[in-house]
Protein backbone atom coordinates (compact mmCIF):
# COMPACT_ATOMS: atom_id res chain seq x y z
CA MET A 1 122.28 76.47 80.94
CA PRO A 2 121.26 79.79 79.38
CA THR A 3 124.11 82.23 78.69
CA SER A 4 122.25 85.06 80.42
CA MET A 5 119.52 85.16 83.01
CA PRO A 6 117.02 87.95 83.67
CA ASP A 7 117.65 90.17 86.70
CA VAL A 8 114.39 91.92 87.53
CA ALA A 9 115.94 93.75 90.48
CA ASN A 10 118.29 95.63 88.14
CA GLN A 11 115.50 97.00 85.99
CA SER A 12 115.43 100.76 86.24
CA SER A 13 111.76 101.33 87.00
CA ALA A 14 109.61 100.08 89.85
CA GLN A 15 105.85 99.59 89.60
CA THR A 16 105.46 102.26 92.28
CA GLU A 17 108.39 104.56 92.97
CA GLY A 18 109.59 105.43 96.46
CA VAL A 19 112.35 105.03 99.02
CA LEU A 20 112.18 102.43 101.81
CA ASP A 21 113.54 102.61 105.35
CA TRP A 22 114.65 98.97 105.52
CA VAL A 23 114.70 95.98 103.20
CA GLY A 24 116.27 92.63 103.93
CA MET A 25 115.76 89.29 105.65
CA SER A 26 114.80 87.95 109.06
CA GLU A 27 114.94 84.55 110.76
CA ILE A 28 118.19 83.63 109.00
CA GLU A 29 119.58 80.51 110.70
CA VAL A 30 123.36 80.45 111.00
CA PRO A 31 125.96 78.86 113.27
CA LEU A 32 128.51 81.35 114.57
CA MET A 33 131.67 81.44 116.62
CA ILE A 34 131.40 84.26 119.14
CA GLU A 35 134.16 85.93 121.11
CA ALA A 36 133.36 87.63 124.41
CA LYS A 37 135.43 89.29 127.10
CA GLY A 38 137.07 86.80 129.46
CA GLU A 39 135.50 83.76 127.76
CA ALA A 40 136.80 81.17 125.31
CA MET A 41 135.49 81.49 121.77
CA ARG A 42 132.47 79.22 121.39
CA PRO A 43 129.84 78.22 118.83
CA VAL A 44 126.24 79.44 119.04
CA SER A 45 123.18 78.86 116.88
CA ALA A 46 121.85 82.27 115.92
CA LYS A 47 118.78 83.76 114.30
CA VAL A 48 119.74 86.85 112.29
CA GLU A 49 118.02 89.86 110.77
CA ALA A 50 119.91 91.77 108.06
CA PHE A 51 118.74 94.97 106.38
CA VAL A 52 119.81 97.96 104.33
CA ASN A 53 117.72 100.94 103.33
CA LEU A 54 116.70 101.72 99.75
CA ILE A 55 117.39 105.33 98.78
CA GLN A 56 116.86 105.00 95.01
CA ALA A 57 113.17 105.63 94.41
CA LYS A 58 113.20 104.02 90.96
CA ALA A 59 115.20 100.92 91.88
CA LYS A 60 113.25 97.66 91.95
CA GLY A 61 114.94 96.45 95.11
CA ILE A 62 118.14 95.53 96.93
CA HIS A 63 120.43 92.54 96.37
CA MET A 64 119.43 90.28 99.26
CA SER A 65 121.80 87.51 98.20
CA ARG A 66 124.73 89.86 98.78
CA LEU A 67 123.70 90.40 102.40
CA TYR A 68 123.25 86.67 102.90
CA LEU A 69 126.62 85.76 101.38
CA LEU A 70 128.47 88.32 103.49
CA LEU A 71 126.79 86.89 106.61
CA ASP A 72 127.60 83.36 105.46
CA GLN A 73 131.26 84.33 105.03
CA LEU A 74 131.36 85.56 108.63
CA SER A 75 129.72 82.32 109.74
CA THR A 76 132.13 80.01 107.94
CA ASP A 77 135.42 81.93 107.92
CA GLY A 78 135.31 84.26 110.92
CA SER A 79 133.88 84.94 114.35
CA LEU A 80 131.46 87.48 115.76
CA THR A 81 133.34 90.28 117.49
CA LYS A 82 132.74 94.00 117.81
CA THR A 83 135.31 94.55 115.04
CA SER A 84 133.86 91.96 112.65
CA LEU A 85 130.34 93.27 113.27
CA THR A 86 131.46 96.79 112.38
CA LYS A 87 133.10 95.52 109.17
CA LEU A 88 130.03 93.46 108.22
CA LEU A 89 127.82 96.55 108.39
CA ALA A 90 130.27 98.50 106.24
CA ASP A 91 130.32 95.65 103.72
CA PHE A 92 126.52 95.66 103.58
CA ILE A 93 126.57 99.30 102.48
CA GLU A 94 129.53 98.87 100.11
CA SER A 95 127.77 95.95 98.40
CA HIS A 96 124.81 98.27 97.72
CA GLU A 97 126.64 101.30 96.33
CA GLU A 98 124.21 104.04 95.28
CA LEU A 99 121.29 101.99 96.64
CA SER A 100 121.86 102.17 100.40
CA ASP A 101 123.58 104.35 103.00
CA LYS A 102 122.30 102.61 106.14
CA ALA A 103 122.66 99.05 107.44
CA PHE A 104 121.25 97.01 110.32
CA ILE A 105 121.91 93.54 111.69
CA LYS A 106 120.66 91.65 114.75
CA PHE A 107 121.97 88.36 116.16
CA SER A 108 119.83 86.43 118.67
CA PHE A 109 121.13 83.33 120.44
CA ASP A 110 121.46 81.55 123.79
CA TYR A 111 124.82 81.93 125.52
CA HIS A 112 125.62 79.11 127.95
CA MET A 113 127.69 79.94 131.01
CA ARG A 114 129.01 77.82 133.88
CA ARG A 115 127.60 79.21 137.13
CA LYS A 116 128.69 78.20 140.61
CA SER A 117 126.21 77.37 143.37
CA LEU A 118 125.89 79.63 146.41
CA ILE A 119 127.53 77.47 149.10
CA SER A 120 128.53 74.00 147.93
CA GLY A 121 130.61 75.10 144.96
CA LYS A 122 128.75 72.82 142.54
CA GLN A 123 128.55 74.11 138.97
CA GLY A 124 125.98 73.86 136.21
CA TRP A 125 125.04 75.42 132.88
CA LYS A 126 122.73 78.41 132.56
CA ALA A 127 121.57 79.69 129.19
CA TYR A 128 121.19 83.45 128.83
CA PRO A 129 119.26 84.80 125.82
CA ILE A 130 121.48 87.36 124.08
CA THR A 131 120.73 89.87 121.33
CA ILE A 132 123.55 91.81 119.67
CA THR A 133 122.51 94.58 117.31
CA GLY A 134 124.53 96.80 114.99
CA CYS A 135 123.37 99.75 112.95
CA VAL A 136 125.01 102.29 110.65
CA ARG A 137 123.19 105.57 110.16
CA ASP A 138 124.49 109.06 109.38
CA ASN A 139 127.94 107.46 108.91
CA GLN A 140 127.97 106.44 112.58
CA THR A 141 128.11 102.85 113.85
CA HIS A 142 126.01 101.95 116.91
CA ILE A 143 126.33 98.60 118.67
CA GLU A 144 124.15 97.41 121.51
CA MET A 145 123.76 94.22 123.52
CA LYS A 146 120.68 92.87 125.28
CA ILE A 147 120.65 90.14 127.92
CA ASP A 148 117.74 88.43 129.72
CA VAL A 149 118.67 87.41 133.26
CA PRO A 150 116.29 85.26 135.38
CA TYR A 151 116.06 85.74 139.13
CA SER A 152 113.71 85.21 142.06
CA SER A 153 111.63 88.00 143.61
CA THR A 154 109.88 87.81 146.97
CA CYS A 155 107.03 90.22 147.68
CA PRO A 156 107.66 92.64 150.58
CA CYS A 157 103.92 92.99 151.22
CA SER A 158 103.30 89.26 151.55
CA ALA A 159 106.40 88.98 153.76
CA ALA A 160 104.96 91.56 156.16
CA LEU A 161 101.59 89.80 156.18
CA ALA A 162 103.28 86.44 156.84
CA ARG A 163 105.24 87.94 159.76
CA GLN A 164 102.00 89.26 161.23
CA LEU A 165 100.44 85.79 161.14
CA ILE A 166 103.55 84.30 162.76
CA GLN A 167 103.37 86.91 165.53
CA LYS A 168 99.70 86.08 166.11
CA ALA A 169 100.47 82.35 166.26
CA PHE A 170 103.28 83.04 168.73
CA GLU A 171 100.97 85.03 171.02
CA GLU A 172 98.37 82.25 170.97
CA LYS A 173 100.96 79.58 171.70
CA PHE A 174 102.92 81.36 174.46
CA ASP A 175 100.31 83.52 176.18
CA ASN A 176 101.44 82.59 179.72
CA ASN A 177 101.86 85.86 181.59
CA GLY A 178 105.12 86.74 179.85
CA LEU A 179 107.02 83.60 180.87
CA VAL A 180 108.60 82.04 177.80
CA ASP A 181 110.84 79.00 177.66
CA SER A 182 113.47 79.69 174.97
CA LYS A 183 114.00 75.99 174.24
CA GLN A 184 110.28 75.50 173.74
CA VAL A 185 110.15 78.53 171.40
CA HIS A 186 113.15 77.22 169.49
CA GLN A 187 111.47 73.85 169.00
CA TRP A 188 108.16 75.46 168.04
CA LEU A 189 109.81 77.65 165.37
CA GLY A 190 111.05 74.49 163.65
CA THR A 191 107.50 73.27 163.03
CA THR A 192 104.93 74.15 160.38
CA GLU A 193 102.80 75.52 163.22
CA GLY A 194 105.59 77.96 164.09
CA ILE A 195 106.03 79.21 160.53
CA VAL A 196 102.33 79.42 159.86
CA ALA A 197 102.69 81.49 156.66
CA THR A 198 105.33 82.22 154.06
CA PRO A 199 105.64 85.13 151.60
CA HIS A 200 105.08 84.46 147.93
CA SER A 201 107.97 84.45 145.47
CA GLN A 202 108.10 84.13 141.72
CA ARG A 203 110.60 83.60 138.95
CA SER A 204 111.36 86.95 137.35
CA THR A 205 113.34 88.26 134.41
CA ALA A 206 115.42 91.38 133.92
CA GLU A 207 115.72 92.44 130.29
CA VAL A 208 118.75 94.70 130.06
CA LYS A 209 119.87 96.52 126.92
CA VAL A 210 123.10 98.55 126.84
CA LYS A 211 124.72 100.66 124.16
CA LEU A 212 128.44 99.84 123.95
CA GLY A 213 130.74 102.84 124.01
CA ALA A 214 133.92 103.18 121.95
CA THR A 215 136.12 102.10 124.88
CA ILE A 216 134.52 98.63 124.91
CA GLU A 217 136.49 96.39 122.55
CA GLU A 218 134.93 93.00 123.40
CA PHE A 219 131.36 91.95 124.08
CA PRO A 220 131.00 92.20 127.89
CA ILE A 221 128.55 89.32 128.27
CA THR A 222 129.90 87.93 131.55
CA ASP A 223 130.43 91.42 132.99
CA LEU A 224 126.82 92.38 132.33
CA VAL A 225 125.40 89.11 133.70
CA ASN A 226 127.50 89.51 136.87
CA LEU A 227 126.40 93.13 137.24
CA VAL A 228 122.71 92.26 137.00
CA GLU A 229 122.88 89.20 139.27
CA GLY A 230 125.03 91.08 141.77
CA ALA A 231 122.56 93.96 141.95
CA LEU A 232 119.54 91.70 142.43
CA GLN A 233 121.24 89.12 144.71
CA THR A 234 118.75 86.31 143.94
CA PRO A 235 119.75 84.71 140.61
CA VAL A 236 118.12 81.41 139.77
CA GLN A 237 120.43 78.46 140.34
CA ALA A 238 121.68 75.52 138.28
CA ALA A 239 123.22 72.72 140.41
CA VAL A 240 122.20 72.92 144.09
CA LYS A 241 122.59 70.99 147.32
CA ARG A 242 120.48 71.58 150.44
CA ALA A 243 122.96 74.15 151.74
CA ASP A 244 122.57 76.10 148.49
CA GLU A 245 118.79 75.96 148.71
CA GLN A 246 118.90 77.23 152.28
CA GLU A 247 121.17 80.11 151.26
CA PHE A 248 118.84 80.90 148.36
CA ALA A 249 115.94 81.10 150.84
CA ARG A 250 117.99 83.43 153.05
CA LEU A 251 118.89 85.69 150.13
CA ASN A 252 115.24 85.91 149.11
CA GLY A 253 114.28 86.83 152.66
CA GLN A 254 116.95 89.54 152.84
CA ASN A 255 116.23 90.96 149.38
CA LEU A 256 112.48 91.52 149.33
CA MET A 257 111.61 93.27 146.07
CA PHE A 258 108.72 94.86 144.30
CA CYS A 259 109.38 95.31 140.58
CA GLU A 260 110.10 98.98 141.36
CA ASP A 261 112.85 97.96 143.79
CA ALA A 262 114.47 95.67 141.25
CA GLY A 263 114.30 98.33 138.54
CA ARG A 264 115.95 100.92 140.77
CA ARG A 265 118.71 98.51 141.81
CA LEU A 266 119.55 97.81 138.18
CA LYS A 267 119.40 101.48 137.16
CA HIS A 268 121.84 102.39 139.95
CA ALA A 269 124.22 99.57 138.98
CA LEU A 270 124.17 100.41 135.26
CA ASN A 271 124.76 104.11 135.92
CA SER A 272 128.06 103.15 137.53
CA ILE A 273 129.46 101.84 134.21
CA GLU A 274 130.50 104.81 132.05
CA ALA A 275 131.28 102.59 129.06
CA TYR A 276 127.56 101.80 128.76
CA THR A 277 126.60 105.06 127.09
CA ASP A 278 122.89 104.30 127.35
CA PHE A 279 120.70 101.57 128.79
CA TRP A 280 117.14 100.29 128.89
CA VAL A 281 115.78 97.96 131.58
CA ARG A 282 112.51 96.06 131.79
CA VAL A 283 111.80 94.07 134.95
CA ASN A 284 109.14 91.35 134.74
CA HIS A 285 107.78 89.71 137.89
CA PHE A 286 105.66 86.75 136.79
CA GLU A 287 103.26 86.92 139.70
CA SER A 288 102.32 83.85 141.70
CA LEU A 289 99.52 85.75 143.47
CA HIS A 290 97.98 87.37 140.41
CA ALA A 291 97.21 86.10 136.93
CA HIS A 292 98.98 89.16 135.52
CA ASP A 293 102.61 90.29 135.71
CA ALA A 294 104.20 93.23 137.53
CA VAL A 295 106.51 95.28 135.30
CA SER A 296 108.81 98.27 135.60
CA VAL A 297 110.72 99.99 132.77
CA SER A 298 113.56 102.49 133.10
CA THR A 299 116.20 104.12 130.93
CA LYS A 300 119.38 106.10 131.53
CA GLY A 301 117.44 109.20 130.53
CA ILE A 302 119.91 110.87 128.20
CA GLU A 303 118.92 113.24 125.38
CA ASN A 304 117.95 111.34 122.22
CA GLY A 305 118.53 108.07 124.11
CA TYR A 306 116.42 104.99 124.60
CA LEU A 307 112.70 105.54 125.03
CA PRO A 308 110.73 103.41 127.52
CA TYR A 309 108.76 101.97 124.58
């Protein structure tokens, strides 16, 4: 082995001088233990992005291996918490003294949760895509969490049109001078002829991003999932029996939603949580009627906060 090895990154002059906003790595694959509020610590398989800025115009580059090794140390010897994330960002900057004064990291992974069915009490696993991001800029640490929550949306317009067709079918069936036999109507309503049309529904996704205030000490993954599913009322299910499927149909019928309705429900719910200092919501209805999607985007609307895009 040679006694010394060249280190091009430490050479004092770059081919073209200039500062850079971010330099680092993406798509880093690491296993992690994550701790979240009210949940047991569990392993996840994460994809990570890690960056620092480069403020020395003449420096060749940063020390990427230092970022990787600090992340690897967290993966093997620690767990992902709000505290450890804050320390990791500080270590990124400290490891690049005089080269960097900003740091950024993003963890993306699926978080599996046990979810109970609507009526029968059966339980099953649901995987929620999670992104946790940390950034240090202007000596301030900012931490945010994003969750994608699937749900069902039933179109209010198609529901009204279906009701109109059912009314027409009823008139044609029971046009007998106003005399209606309730038992006959009851039997007729239980047939496909009675329910001649149904509204269209589609699987939908709420993408919700929140900025975690200083009072939040643990990642509120379950709290945020419960908030979103509670506001929308029609979360997709895991294990179901017929009673659960019937209740799901009822909930869809009682919670007709355009994408605007879903977006407003979520905005109202998120505004009630002061510890979320800012939020961004994108609602995606993957249309069954159209070949395109229906989308709404909203933010908390604070000064210098999240932009819609």
